[in-house]
Amino acid sequence: YTTKAKALTACKGNSKCTGVILKGGKYYLGKGDSFKASKGLIAWKQTSAIKAINDYYWTVYADYTLTGDIKSYKTLALAMAACTASATCHGVTTHSTSVHKTNSATPHQV
């Protein structure tokens, strides 16, 4: 797929899809059960520990953060919608009830 939004939508509608992988500027549907580190790849995994926003499912990771702030939003829904539409956004962090930031880096444990 050429965009993250198209790949996430396709994954949501495919019962065999377990996530989306960004590799070499293209998005691919994942079908495996494991979630492992792989240099140069970025993955969005569908799980039961999710938050549904704007028809997309987001895995919530406790004790993780993202770096590379792109933009700040007043609501989580706005931040997640912006991230979904962005090719460079890899996640959203919540800093307070009214500060939610889109981020360009992959998650790392704090």
Protein backbone atom coordinates (compact mmCIF):
# COMPACT_ATOMS: atom_id res chain seq x y z
CA TYR A 1 0.00 0.00 0.00
CA THR A 2 1.18 3.53 -0.66
CA THR A 3 -0.31 5.10 2.49
CA LYS A 4 -0.62 4.09 6.12
CA ALA A 5 -4.34 4.94 6.14
CA LYS A 6 -5.04 2.60 3.19
CA ALA A 7 -3.04 -0.22 4.78
CA LEU A 8 -4.71 0.18 8.19
CA THR A 9 -8.14 0.20 6.56
CA ALA A 10 -7.29 -2.93 4.55
CA CYS A 11 -5.96 -4.66 7.66
CA LYS A 12 -9.08 -3.82 9.64
CA GLY A 13 -11.21 -5.50 6.97
CA ASN A 14 -9.00 -8.61 6.66
CA SER A 15 -9.56 -11.32 9.28
CA LYS A 16 -6.05 -12.75 8.65
CA CYS A 17 -4.25 -9.42 9.12
CA THR A 18 -2.54 -8.94 12.48
CA GLY A 19 -0.90 -5.59 11.74
CA VAL A 20 0.77 -3.29 9.24
CA ILE A 21 4.49 -3.07 8.47
CA LEU A 22 6.32 -0.12 6.88
CA LYS A 23 9.28 -1.29 4.81
CA GLY A 24 11.09 0.66 2.13
CA GLY A 25 8.44 3.37 1.96
CA LYS A 26 5.56 0.92 1.38
CA TYR A 27 3.02 -0.52 3.80
CA TYR A 28 2.41 -4.28 3.98
CA LEU A 29 -0.22 -6.33 5.81
CA GLY A 30 1.20 -8.61 8.49
CA LYS A 31 -0.11 -12.09 9.21
CA GLY A 32 2.18 -13.35 11.97
CA ASP A 33 1.51 -13.59 15.69
CA SER A 34 4.90 -12.35 16.91
CA PHE A 35 5.93 -8.74 17.47
CA LYS A 36 9.71 -8.34 17.43
CA ALA A 37 12.31 -5.68 16.85
CA SER A 38 13.57 -5.45 13.28
CA LYS A 39 15.94 -2.68 12.27
CA GLY A 40 14.52 -0.31 9.68
CA LEU A 41 10.93 -1.59 9.96
CA ILE A 42 7.96 0.00 11.71
CA ALA A 43 4.89 -2.01 12.70
CA TRP A 44 1.35 -1.25 13.84
CA LYS A 45 -0.14 -4.29 15.58
CA GLN A 46 -3.81 -5.10 16.09
CA THR A 47 -4.38 -6.55 19.57
CA SER A 48 -7.04 -6.86 22.22
CA ALA A 49 -5.35 -4.09 24.26
CA ILE A 50 -6.52 -1.41 21.87
CA LYS A 51 -8.11 1.98 21.70
CA ALA A 52 -10.55 2.48 18.83
CA ILE A 53 -10.37 6.01 17.41
CA ASN A 54 -11.60 7.15 14.00
CA ASP A 55 -12.21 3.56 12.87
CA TYR A 56 -8.59 2.57 13.54
CA TYR A 57 -7.31 0.44 16.36
CA TRP A 58 -4.33 1.58 18.38
CA THR A 59 -2.29 -0.57 20.74
CA VAL A 60 -1.82 1.13 24.09
CA TYR A 61 1.64 0.60 25.61
CA ALA A 62 2.10 1.48 29.28
CA ASP A 63 5.57 2.69 30.30
CA TYR A 64 6.55 3.50 26.72
CA THR A 65 7.13 6.86 25.08
CA LEU A 66 7.79 8.23 21.62
CA THR A 67 10.16 10.96 20.54
CA GLY A 68 10.19 13.22 17.52
CA ASP A 69 7.18 15.39 18.36
CA ILE A 70 5.40 16.57 15.20
CA LYS A 71 2.46 18.58 16.51
CA SER A 72 0.37 19.05 19.67
CA TYR A 73 -3.43 18.64 19.82
CA LYS A 74 -6.01 19.46 22.50
CA THR A 75 -7.83 16.11 22.21
CA LEU A 76 -6.67 12.54 21.79
CA ALA A 77 -9.14 11.98 18.94
CA LEU A 78 -7.70 14.90 16.95
CA ALA A 79 -4.13 13.71 17.51
CA MET A 80 -4.97 10.15 16.46
CA ALA A 81 -6.84 11.34 13.37
CA ALA A 82 -3.85 13.46 12.35
CA CYS A 83 -1.47 10.56 12.97
CA THR A 84 -3.60 8.18 10.92
CA ALA A 85 -3.49 10.58 7.97
CA SER A 86 0.26 11.22 8.24
CA ALA A 87 2.92 9.12 6.55
CA THR A 88 5.53 10.25 9.09
CA CYS A 89 3.55 9.76 12.32
CA HIS A 90 4.22 6.54 14.22
CA GLY A 91 2.15 7.16 17.32
CA VAL A 92 0.58 9.55 19.80
CA THR A 93 1.66 10.39 23.34
CA THR A 94 -0.57 11.93 26.00
CA HIS A 95 1.12 14.50 28.23
CA SER A 96 -1.96 15.83 30.03
CA THR A 97 -5.73 15.87 29.55
CA SER A 98 -5.37 18.65 26.97
CA VAL A 99 -1.94 17.90 25.41
CA HIS A 100 -1.62 15.00 22.96
CA LYS A 101 1.34 14.91 20.56
CA THR A 102 1.87 13.11 17.27
CA ASN A 103 5.35 11.58 17.02
CA SER A 104 7.71 10.47 14.28
CA ALA A 105 9.89 7.98 16.19
CA THR A 106 9.31 4.37 17.19
CA PRO A 107 8.36 3.52 20.80
CA HIS A 108 10.92 2.85 23.48
CA GLN A 109 10.49 1.86 27.11
CA VAL A 110 10.91 4.44 29.86
